[in-house]
Amino acid sequence: MASAPQSKFQQDEKRRDADHVSFLKHRNWRWLKIAVVLCIVTGAGYALIDQEPRPNGGSWYGYTLGTIGLLLILWLSLLGVRKRKITTGHWSLKNWTSAHVWLGLSLIVIGTLHTGFQIGWNVHTLAYVLMLLVIITGIYGVWAYATLPAELSSNRKELTRGEMIDALTAIDRQLESAAQPLDRAQSDLVIAALEQDVFYGGALGRLTGSYPGCTTAKAIKNMASSRSEAEERVTTLLTRRSEQLAQIRRHLRIRALLEVWLFIHIPATIALIAALLAHVVSVFYYW
């Protein structure tokens, strides 16, 4: 007996369940299984071919692996173009991304077997090293997007970046008023804290979360140990300012960690395609 067709509600529910599955596990690890089979087949072919010397980039099997690797790299590099279109089904972005990750990892096996384990100071090795660099940065990207968004959401506490800045501005207004009764030295500490750019520290500060020149921390450290009521008020506000700065800086650090790999991954991919072009041209020129 034929099964009853699924209702629209059941179809929508099934689609929502699929959307909540990680792209790595998409379709019950479909692309991982394909990548593993591809690695096993190419590895077995390399091991079983009775040829001396062993297959390398200049053998018929090396050309076969090289062609497979080249086509894979060119196809994988199209993910950035693919992201601009939203579709579902077999060619959904999640499906494509899953294939991008697992087939990209399979290139470690395919590319290494293509070299025949022959490494030298030439454009061929350059292409191989760039391929590994692209794969390594891609692995970091997968880790980053699997773990950091939850950390980013937890740090935000339902606040937008603008709202975090607004909260800091509100504390600063209170500090300006509370610091009026202080002596000149203490006032200068507060002024220095208020005048320092929230986003100072540059790329290194954002990535490491280290701000050794923070004037807010310096002001807290140098406030008098025996404090008047006004000094206690200012110290409390400076502490709140420090905590708010810490939240903003954590936000900036997580965002930087999410984005920094792309500044290596994408240029390395472009360089890899250029090196592959030089590799292919030189192979056919000397063939």
C-alpha atoms as a PDB file:
ATOM      1  CA  MET A   1       0.000   0.000   0.000  1.00  0.00           C
ATOM      2  CA  ALA A   2       1.364   3.404  -0.969  1.00  0.00           C
ATOM      3  CA  SER A   3       2.153   5.705   1.931  1.00  0.00           C
ATOM      4  CA  ALA A   4       0.076   8.829   2.348  1.00  0.00           C
ATOM      5  CA  PRO A   5       1.694  12.003   1.040  1.00  0.00           C
ATOM      6  CA  GLN A   6       3.243  14.237   3.670  1.00  0.00           C
ATOM      7  CA  SER A   7       1.291  17.310   4.697  1.00  0.00           C
ATOM      8  CA  LYS A   8       2.761  20.778   4.228  1.00  0.00           C
ATOM      9  CA  PHE A   9       3.204  20.975   8.013  1.00  0.00           C
ATOM     10  CA  GLN A  10       5.204  17.707   8.047  1.00  0.00           C
ATOM     11  CA  GLN A  11       7.333  18.913   5.144  1.00  0.00           C
ATOM     12  CA  ASP A  12       8.016  22.247   6.865  1.00  0.00           C
ATOM     13  CA  GLU A  13       8.843  20.455  10.136  1.00  0.00           C
ATOM     14  CA  LYS A  14      11.242  18.118   8.337  1.00  0.00           C
ATOM     15  CA  ARG A  15      12.895  21.082   6.641  1.00  0.00           C
ATOM     16  CA  ARG A  16      13.307  22.901   9.974  1.00  0.00           C
ATOM     17  CA  ASP A  17      14.889  19.808  11.532  1.00  0.00           C
ATOM     18  CA  ALA A  18      17.324  19.629   8.626  1.00  0.00           C
ATOM     19  CA  ASP A  19      18.174  23.317   9.047  1.00  0.00           C
ATOM     20  CA  HIS A  20      19.230  22.704  12.655  1.00  0.00           C
ATOM     21  CA  VAL A  21      21.671  19.948  11.656  1.00  0.00           C
ATOM     22  CA  SER A  22      25.267  21.110  11.334  1.00  0.00           C
ATOM     23  CA  PHE A  23      26.492  21.420   7.767  1.00  0.00           C
ATOM     24  CA  LEU A  24      29.221  18.935   8.697  1.00  0.00           C
ATOM     25  CA  LYS A  25      26.559  16.283   9.399  1.00  0.00           C
ATOM     26  CA  HIS A  26      24.392  17.258   6.421  1.00  0.00           C
ATOM     27  CA  ARG A  27      22.395  14.347   4.985  1.00  0.00           C
ATOM     28  CA  ASN A  28      23.799  11.892   7.520  1.00  0.00           C
ATOM     29  CA  TRP A  29      27.468  12.775   6.807  1.00  0.00           C
ATOM     30  CA  ARG A  30      26.986  12.270   3.054  1.00  0.00           C
ATOM     31  CA  TRP A  31      30.016  14.262   1.930  1.00  0.00           C
ATOM     32  CA  LEU A  32      32.286  12.838   4.601  1.00  0.00           C
ATOM     33  CA  LYS A  33      31.457   9.352   3.314  1.00  0.00           C
ATOM     34  CA  ILE A  34      32.101  10.434  -0.284  1.00  0.00           C
ATOM     35  CA  ALA A  35      35.412  12.024   0.727  1.00  0.00           C
ATOM     36  CA  VAL A  36      36.499   8.890   2.619  1.00  0.00           C
ATOM     37  CA  VAL A  37      35.631   6.659  -0.354  1.00  0.00           C
ATOM     38  CA  LEU A  38      37.548   9.011  -2.672  1.00  0.00           C
ATOM     39  CA  CYS A  39      40.618   8.865  -0.399  1.00  0.00           C
ATOM     40  CA  ILE A  40      40.443   5.068  -0.117  1.00  0.00           C
ATOM     41  CA  VAL A  41      40.091   4.591  -3.881  1.00  0.00           C
ATOM     42  CA  THR A  42      42.942   6.949  -4.769  1.00  0.00           C
ATOM     43  CA  GLY A  43      45.146   5.523  -1.998  1.00  0.00           C
ATOM     44  CA  ALA A  44      44.456   1.948  -3.064  1.00  0.00           C
ATOM     45  CA  GLY A  45      45.184   2.836  -6.669  1.00  0.00           C
ATOM     46  CA  TYR A  46      48.527   4.345  -5.701  1.00  0.00           C
ATOM     47  CA  ALA A  47      49.455   1.322  -3.550  1.00  0.00           C
ATOM     48  CA  LEU A  48      48.380  -1.354  -6.023  1.00  0.00           C
ATOM     49  CA  ILE A  49      49.855   0.018  -9.223  1.00  0.00           C
ATOM     50  CA  ASP A  50      52.911  -2.067 -10.075  1.00  0.00           C
ATOM     51  CA  GLN A  51      55.239   0.616 -11.316  1.00  0.00           C
ATOM     52  CA  GLU A  52      58.855   1.570 -10.661  1.00  0.00           C
ATOM     53  CA  PRO A  53      59.548   4.232  -9.696  1.00  0.00           C
ATOM     54  CA  ARG A  54      56.348   4.702  -7.761  1.00  0.00           C
ATOM     55  CA  PRO A  55      53.621   6.844  -9.410  1.00  0.00           C
ATOM     56  CA  ASN A  56      54.367  10.561  -9.251  1.00  0.00           C
ATOM     57  CA  GLY A  57      53.184  13.753 -10.839  1.00  0.00           C
ATOM     58  CA  GLY A  58      54.747  12.764 -14.144  1.00  0.00           C
ATOM     59  CA  SER A  59      53.116   9.322 -14.402  1.00  0.00           C
ATOM     60  CA  TRP A  60      49.711   8.558 -15.911  1.00  0.00           C
ATOM     61  CA  TYR A  61      48.305   8.014 -12.428  1.00  0.00           C
ATOM     62  CA  GLY A  62      49.894  11.251 -11.242  1.00  0.00           C
ATOM     63  CA  TYR A  63      48.212  13.104 -14.112  1.00  0.00           C
ATOM     64  CA  THR A  64      44.908  11.483 -13.177  1.00  0.00           C
ATOM     65  CA  LEU A  65      45.196  12.556  -9.526  1.00  0.00           C
ATOM     66  CA  GLY A  66      46.381  15.995 -10.597  1.00  0.00           C
ATOM     67  CA  THR A  67      43.345  16.447 -12.837  1.00  0.00           C
ATOM     68  CA  ILE A  68      40.984  15.342 -10.061  1.00  0.00           C
ATOM     69  CA  GLY A  69      42.693  17.691  -7.601  1.00  0.00           C
ATOM     70  CA  LEU A  70      42.657  20.628 -10.013  1.00  0.00           C
ATOM     71  CA  LEU A  71      38.968  20.227 -10.821  1.00  0.00           C
ATOM     72  CA  LEU A  72      38.144  19.893  -7.115  1.00  0.00           C
ATOM     73  CA  ILE A  73      40.084  23.041  -6.216  1.00  0.00           C
ATOM     74  CA  LEU A  74      38.426  25.082  -8.961  1.00  0.00           C
ATOM     75  CA  TRP A  75      34.972  23.833  -7.932  1.00  0.00           C
ATOM     76  CA  LEU A  76      35.610  24.402  -4.219  1.00  0.00           C
ATOM     77  CA  SER A  77      36.764  27.954  -4.909  1.00  0.00           C
ATOM     78  CA  LEU A  78      33.283  28.755  -6.265  1.00  0.00           C
ATOM     79  CA  LEU A  79      31.732  28.626  -2.782  1.00  0.00           C
ATOM     80  CA  GLY A  80      32.069  32.399  -2.440  1.00  0.00           C
ATOM     81  CA  VAL A  81      30.029  32.850  -5.630  1.00  0.00           C
ATOM     82  CA  ARG A  82      27.542  30.194  -4.519  1.00  0.00           C
ATOM     83  CA  LYS A  83      26.844  32.051  -1.233  1.00  0.00           C
ATOM     84  CA  ARG A  84      25.159  34.842  -3.169  1.00  0.00           C
ATOM     85  CA  LYS A  85      22.268  32.556  -4.159  1.00  0.00           C
ATOM     86  CA  ILE A  86      19.788  31.040  -1.720  1.00  0.00           C
ATOM     87  CA  THR A  87      18.368  27.702  -2.864  1.00  0.00           C
ATOM     88  CA  THR A  88      17.192  24.496  -1.209  1.00  0.00           C
ATOM     89  CA  GLY A  89      17.381  20.804  -2.017  1.00  0.00           C
ATOM     90  CA  HIS A  90      20.402  19.015  -3.427  1.00  0.00           C
ATOM     91  CA  TRP A  91      22.218  22.267  -4.241  1.00  0.00           C
ATOM     92  CA  SER A  92      21.404  24.112  -1.035  1.00  0.00           C
ATOM     93  CA  LEU A  93      24.120  26.256   0.500  1.00  0.00           C
ATOM     94  CA  LYS A  94      24.393  23.855   3.446  1.00  0.00           C
ATOM     95  CA  ASN A  95      24.907  20.916   1.061  1.00  0.00           C
ATOM     96  CA  TRP A  96      27.499  22.858  -0.919  1.00  0.00           C
ATOM     97  CA  THR A  97      29.336  23.972   2.232  1.00  0.00           C
ATOM     98  CA  SER A  98      29.408  20.406   3.558  1.00  0.00           C
ATOM     99  CA  ALA A  99      30.913  19.240   0.272  1.00  0.00           C
ATOM    100  CA  HIS A 100      33.381  22.135   0.371  1.00  0.00           C
ATOM    101  CA  VAL A 101      34.699  21.066   3.785  1.00  0.00           C
ATOM    102  CA  TRP A 102      34.926  17.307   3.345  1.00  0.00           C
ATOM    103  CA  LEU A 103      36.125  17.257  -0.271  1.00  0.00           C
ATOM    104  CA  GLY A 104      38.586  19.999   0.627  1.00  0.00           C
ATOM    105  CA  LEU A 105      40.061  17.746   3.311  1.00  0.00           C
ATOM    106  CA  SER A 106      40.296  14.868   0.821  1.00  0.00           C
ATOM    107  CA  LEU A 107      42.717  17.037  -1.180  1.00  0.00           C
ATOM    108  CA  ILE A 108      45.358  16.348   1.480  1.00  0.00           C
ATOM    109  CA  VAL A 109      45.419  12.708   0.337  1.00  0.00           C
ATOM    110  CA  ILE A 110      44.889  13.376  -3.383  1.00  0.00           C
ATOM    111  CA  GLY A 111      47.432  16.197  -3.552  1.00  0.00           C
ATOM    112  CA  THR A 112      50.074  14.292  -1.566  1.00  0.00           C
ATOM    113  CA  LEU A 113      49.697  11.169  -3.716  1.00  0.00           C
ATOM    114  CA  HIS A 114      49.895  13.362  -6.822  1.00  0.00           C
ATOM    115  CA  THR A 115      53.303  14.629  -5.723  1.00  0.00           C
ATOM    116  CA  GLY A 116      54.563  11.052  -5.318  1.00  0.00           C
ATOM    117  CA  PHE A 117      56.157  12.370  -2.101  1.00  0.00           C
ATOM    118  CA  GLN A 118      58.646  14.322  -4.222  1.00  0.00           C
ATOM    119  CA  ILE A 119      59.211  17.767  -2.714  1.00  0.00           C
ATOM    120  CA  GLY A 120      61.591  20.416  -4.033  1.00  0.00           C
ATOM    121  CA  TRP A 121      62.140  24.151  -4.427  1.00  0.00           C
ATOM    122  CA  ASN A 122      59.877  24.701  -7.427  1.00  0.00           C
ATOM    123  CA  VAL A 123      56.450  25.954  -8.467  1.00  0.00           C
ATOM    124  CA  HIS A 124      54.988  22.464  -8.061  1.00  0.00           C
ATOM    125  CA  THR A 125      55.847  22.354  -4.359  1.00  0.00           C
ATOM    126  CA  LEU A 126      54.668  25.960  -4.000  1.00  0.00           C
ATOM    127  CA  ALA A 127      51.244  24.911  -5.272  1.00  0.00           C
ATOM    128  CA  TYR A 128      51.219  21.990  -2.819  1.00  0.00           C
ATOM    129  CA  VAL A 129      52.191  24.181   0.151  1.00  0.00           C
ATOM    130  CA  LEU A 130      49.575  26.788  -0.769  1.00  0.00           C
ATOM    131  CA  MET A 131      46.972  24.029  -0.991  1.00  0.00           C
ATOM    132  CA  LEU A 132      47.866  22.896   2.537  1.00  0.00           C
ATOM    133  CA  LEU A 133      47.726  26.500   3.771  1.00  0.00           C
ATOM    134  CA  VAL A 134      44.239  26.922   2.293  1.00  0.00           C
ATOM    135  CA  ILE A 135      43.101  23.662   3.907  1.00  0.00           C
ATOM    136  CA  ILE A 136      44.580  24.545   7.325  1.00  0.00           C
ATOM    137  CA  THR A 137      42.953  27.989   7.348  1.00  0.00           C
ATOM    138  CA  GLY A 138      39.723  26.344   6.235  1.00  0.00           C
ATOM    139  CA  ILE A 139      39.895  23.937   9.187  1.00  0.00           C
ATOM    140  CA  TYR A 140      40.322  26.940  11.493  1.00  0.00           C
ATOM    141  CA  GLY A 141      37.322  28.588   9.830  1.00  0.00           C
ATOM    142  CA  VAL A 142      35.147  25.522  10.466  1.00  0.00           C
ATOM    143  CA  TRP A 143      36.216  25.500  14.121  1.00  0.00           C
ATOM    144  CA  ALA A 144      35.597  29.227  14.452  1.00  0.00           C
ATOM    145  CA  TYR A 145      32.090  29.125  13.025  1.00  0.00           C
ATOM    146  CA  ALA A 146      31.217  26.010  15.030  1.00  0.00           C
ATOM    147  CA  THR A 147      32.241  27.453  18.409  1.00  0.00           C
ATOM    148  CA  LEU A 148      32.607  31.249  18.410  1.00  0.00           C
ATOM    149  CA  PRO A 149      29.049  32.393  17.515  1.00  0.00           C
ATOM    150  CA  ALA A 150      27.714  30.863  20.757  1.00  0.00           C
ATOM    151  CA  GLU A 151      30.485  32.627  22.694  1.00  0.00           C
ATOM    152  CA  LEU A 152      29.678  35.872  20.895  1.00  0.00           C
ATOM    153  CA  SER A 153      25.983  35.574  21.747  1.00  0.00           C
ATOM    154  CA  SER A 154      26.760  34.782  25.403  1.00  0.00           C
ATOM    155  CA  ASN A 155      29.040  37.807  25.705  1.00  0.00           C
ATOM    156  CA  ARG A 156      26.522  40.199  24.126  1.00  0.00           C
ATOM    157  CA  LYS A 157      23.804  39.392  26.687  1.00  0.00           C
ATOM    158  CA  GLU A 158      21.133  40.396  24.155  1.00  0.00           C
ATOM    159  CA  LEU A 159      22.840  43.751  23.539  1.00  0.00           C
ATOM    160  CA  THR A 160      23.869  45.017  20.136  1.00  0.00           C
ATOM    161  CA  ARG A 161      27.296  46.539  19.618  1.00  0.00           C
ATOM    162  CA  GLY A 162      25.675  49.979  19.537  1.00  0.00           C
ATOM    163  CA  GLU A 163      23.894  49.360  22.830  1.00  0.00           C
ATOM    164  CA  MET A 164      27.155  48.287  24.461  1.00  0.00           C
ATOM    165  CA  ILE A 165      28.736  51.565  23.340  1.00  0.00           C
ATOM    166  CA  ASP A 166      25.707  53.493  24.604  1.00  0.00           C
ATOM    167  CA  ALA A 167      26.060  51.819  28.025  1.00  0.00           C
ATOM    168  CA  LEU A 168      29.707  52.913  28.150  1.00  0.00           C
ATOM    169  CA  THR A 169      28.740  56.457  27.154  1.00  0.00           C
ATOM    170  CA  ALA A 170      26.214  56.595  30.003  1.00  0.00           C
ATOM    171  CA  ILE A 171      28.903  55.557  32.502  1.00  0.00           C
ATOM    172  CA  ASP A 172      31.258  58.188  31.077  1.00  0.00           C
ATOM    173  CA  ARG A 173      28.688  60.945  31.621  1.00  0.00           C
ATOM    174  CA  GLN A 174      28.348  59.896  35.254  1.00  0.00           C
ATOM    175  CA  LEU A 175      32.141  59.849  35.612  1.00  0.00           C
ATOM    176  CA  GLU A 176      32.489  63.377  34.270  1.00  0.00           C
ATOM    177  CA  SER A 177      30.116  64.625  36.941  1.00  0.00           C
ATOM    178  CA  ALA A 178      31.462  62.456  39.780  1.00  0.00           C
ATOM    179  CA  ALA A 179      35.088  63.481  39.108  1.00  0.00           C
ATOM    180  CA  GLN A 180      34.449  67.198  39.717  1.00  0.00           C
ATOM    181  CA  PRO A 181      35.426  67.157  43.461  1.00  0.00           C
ATOM    182  CA  LEU A 182      38.699  65.248  42.869  1.00  0.00           C
ATOM    183  CA  ASP A 183      42.138  66.840  43.032  1.00  0.00           C
ATOM    184  CA  ARG A 184      44.100  67.630  39.878  1.00  0.00           C
ATOM    185  CA  ALA A 185      46.098  64.374  39.734  1.00  0.00           C
ATOM    186  CA  GLN A 186      43.052  62.179  40.148  1.00  0.00           C
ATOM    187  CA  SER A 187      41.018  64.270  37.703  1.00  0.00           C
ATOM    188  CA  ASP A 188      43.767  63.837  35.106  1.00  0.00           C
ATOM    189  CA  LEU A 189      43.554  60.049  35.544  1.00  0.00           C
ATOM    190  CA  VAL A 190      39.805  60.111  34.913  1.00  0.00           C
ATOM    191  CA  ILE A 191      40.174  62.489  31.952  1.00  0.00           C
ATOM    192  CA  ALA A 192      42.811  60.228  30.393  1.00  0.00           C
ATOM    193  CA  ALA A 193      40.470  57.250  30.798  1.00  0.00           C
ATOM    194  CA  LEU A 194      37.573  59.107  29.190  1.00  0.00           C
ATOM    195  CA  GLU A 195      39.655  60.415  26.287  1.00  0.00           C
ATOM    196  CA  GLN A 196      41.161  57.070  25.271  1.00  0.00           C
ATOM    197  CA  ASP A 197      39.603  55.642  22.122  1.00  0.00           C
ATOM    198  CA  VAL A 198      37.394  52.650  22.925  1.00  0.00           C
ATOM    199  CA  PHE A 199      38.792  50.853  19.862  1.00  0.00           C
ATOM    200  CA  TYR A 200      42.469  51.559  20.533  1.00  0.00           C
ATOM    201  CA  GLY A 201      44.944  48.668  20.399  1.00  0.00           C
ATOM    202  CA  GLY A 202      44.766  47.848  16.711  1.00  0.00           C
ATOM    203  CA  ALA A 203      44.488  44.407  15.160  1.00  0.00           C
ATOM    204  CA  LEU A 204      46.899  42.821  17.643  1.00  0.00           C
ATOM    205  CA  GLY A 205      44.886  44.069  20.618  1.00  0.00           C
ATOM    206  CA  ARG A 206      41.662  42.757  19.133  1.00  0.00           C
ATOM    207  CA  LEU A 207      43.081  39.323  18.392  1.00  0.00           C
ATOM    208  CA  THR A 208      44.860  38.856  21.723  1.00  0.00           C
ATOM    209  CA  GLY A 209      42.440  40.746  23.963  1.00  0.00           C
ATOM    210  CA  SER A 210      45.474  42.385  25.587  1.00  0.00           C
ATOM    211  CA  TYR A 211      45.401  46.154  26.241  1.00  0.00           C
ATOM    212  CA  PRO A 212      48.450  46.964  28.422  1.00  0.00           C
ATOM    213  CA  GLY A 213      48.045  50.712  27.907  1.00  0.00           C
ATOM    214  CA  CYS A 214      44.444  50.860  29.137  1.00  0.00           C
ATOM    215  CA  THR A 215      44.073  54.204  30.953  1.00  0.00           C
ATOM    216  CA  THR A 216      40.927  53.029  32.753  1.00  0.00           C
ATOM    217  CA  ALA A 217      42.862  50.222  34.424  1.00  0.00           C
ATOM    218  CA  LYS A 218      45.641  52.713  35.233  1.00  0.00           C
ATOM    219  CA  ALA A 219      43.141  55.120  36.829  1.00  0.00           C
ATOM    220  CA  ILE A 220      41.689  52.362  39.033  1.00  0.00           C
ATOM    221  CA  LYS A 221      45.181  51.269  40.097  1.00  0.00           C
ATOM    222  CA  ASN A 222      46.336  54.783  40.987  1.00  0.00           C
ATOM    223  CA  MET A 223      43.326  55.999  42.914  1.00  0.00           C
ATOM    224  CA  ALA A 224      44.150  56.766  46.580  1.00  0.00           C
ATOM    225  CA  SER A 225      43.887  53.772  48.931  1.00  0.00           C
ATOM    226  CA  SER A 226      42.106  55.850  51.623  1.00  0.00           C
ATOM    227  CA  ARG A 227      39.192  57.289  49.715  1.00  0.00           C
ATOM    228  CA  SER A 228      36.636  59.970  50.346  1.00  0.00           C
ATOM    229  CA  GLU A 229      33.021  59.478  49.389  1.00  0.00           C
ATOM    230  CA  ALA A 230      33.679  61.173  46.018  1.00  0.00           C
ATOM    231  CA  GLU A 231      36.700  58.954  45.365  1.00  0.00           C
ATOM    232  CA  GLU A 232      34.702  55.848  46.227  1.00  0.00           C
ATOM    233  CA  ARG A 233      32.022  56.948  43.768  1.00  0.00           C
ATOM    234  CA  VAL A 234      34.566  57.533  41.008  1.00  0.00           C
ATOM    235  CA  THR A 235      36.320  54.215  41.695  1.00  0.00           C
ATOM    236  CA  THR A 236      32.982  52.374  41.481  1.00  0.00           C
ATOM    237  CA  LEU A 237      32.197  54.048  38.169  1.00  0.00           C
ATOM    238  CA  LEU A 238      35.696  53.330  36.835  1.00  0.00           C
ATOM    239  CA  THR A 239      35.234  49.668  37.752  1.00  0.00           C
ATOM    240  CA  ARG A 240      31.904  49.605  35.916  1.00  0.00           C
ATOM    241  CA  ARG A 241      33.606  51.288  32.963  1.00  0.00           C
ATOM    242  CA  SER A 242      36.345  48.646  33.011  1.00  0.00           C
ATOM    243  CA  GLU A 243      33.744  45.859  33.011  1.00  0.00           C
ATOM    244  CA  GLN A 244      31.869  47.454  30.123  1.00  0.00           C
ATOM    245  CA  LEU A 245      35.111  47.898  28.188  1.00  0.00           C
ATOM    246  CA  ALA A 246      35.913  44.232  28.823  1.00  0.00           C
ATOM    247  CA  GLN A 247      32.581  43.203  27.298  1.00  0.00           C
ATOM    248  CA  ILE A 248      33.167  45.389  24.237  1.00  0.00           C
ATOM    249  CA  ARG A 249      36.715  44.111  23.836  1.00  0.00           C
ATOM    250  CA  ARG A 250      35.598  40.484  24.128  1.00  0.00           C
ATOM    251  CA  HIS A 251      33.048  41.227  21.426  1.00  0.00           C
ATOM    252  CA  LEU A 252      35.734  42.720  19.195  1.00  0.00           C
ATOM    253  CA  ARG A 253      38.100  39.805  19.866  1.00  0.00           C
ATOM    254  CA  ILE A 254      35.528  37.138  19.008  1.00  0.00           C
ATOM    255  CA  ARG A 255      34.551  38.995  15.835  1.00  0.00           C
ATOM    256  CA  ALA A 256      38.220  39.308  14.895  1.00  0.00           C
ATOM    257  CA  LEU A 257      38.795  35.578  15.486  1.00  0.00           C
ATOM    258  CA  LEU A 258      35.761  34.848  13.310  1.00  0.00           C
ATOM    259  CA  GLU A 259      37.003  37.004  10.457  1.00  0.00           C
ATOM    260  CA  VAL A 260      40.805  36.909  10.530  1.00  0.00           C
ATOM    261  CA  TRP A 261      41.137  33.510   8.827  1.00  0.00           C
ATOM    262  CA  LEU A 262      39.425  34.888   5.715  1.00  0.00           C
ATOM    263  CA  PHE A 263      42.268  37.415   5.299  1.00  0.00           C
ATOM    264  CA  ILE A 264      44.570  34.412   4.782  1.00  0.00           C
ATOM    265  CA  HIS A 265      42.195  31.824   3.311  1.00  0.00           C
ATOM    266  CA  ILE A 266      40.906  33.888   0.382  1.00  0.00           C
ATOM    267  CA  PRO A 267      44.259  35.423  -0.746  1.00  0.00           C
ATOM    268  CA  ALA A 268      45.895  31.991  -0.341  1.00  0.00           C
ATOM    269  CA  THR A 269      43.172  30.473  -2.534  1.00  0.00           C
ATOM    270  CA  ILE A 270      43.807  33.068  -5.239  1.00  0.00           C
ATOM    271  CA  ALA A 271      47.561  32.448  -4.968  1.00  0.00           C
ATOM    272  CA  LEU A 272      46.922  28.687  -5.138  1.00  0.00           C
ATOM    273  CA  ILE A 273      44.946  29.012  -8.376  1.00  0.00           C
ATOM    274  CA  ALA A 274      47.743  31.148  -9.857  1.00  0.00           C
ATOM    275  CA  ALA A 275      50.381  28.621  -8.753  1.00  0.00           C
ATOM    276  CA  LEU A 276      48.301  25.767 -10.191  1.00  0.00           C
ATOM    277  CA  LEU A 277      48.104  27.587 -13.507  1.00  0.00           C
ATOM    278  CA  ALA A 278      51.897  27.963 -13.523  1.00  0.00           C
ATOM    279  CA  HIS A 279      52.219  24.316 -12.463  1.00  0.00           C
ATOM    280  CA  VAL A 280      50.006  23.051 -15.301  1.00  0.00           C
ATOM    281  CA  VAL A 281      51.616  25.287 -17.939  1.00  0.00           C
ATOM    282  CA  SER A 282      55.124  24.246 -16.919  1.00  0.00           C
ATOM    283  CA  VAL A 283      54.187  20.546 -16.904  1.00  0.00           C
ATOM    284  CA  PHE A 284      52.775  20.660 -20.422  1.00  0.00           C
ATOM    285  CA  TYR A 285      55.642  22.872 -21.630  1.00  0.00           C
ATOM    286  CA  TYR A 286      58.297  20.371 -20.519  1.00  0.00           C
ATOM    287  CA  TRP A 287      56.195  17.258 -21.283  1.00  0.00           C
END
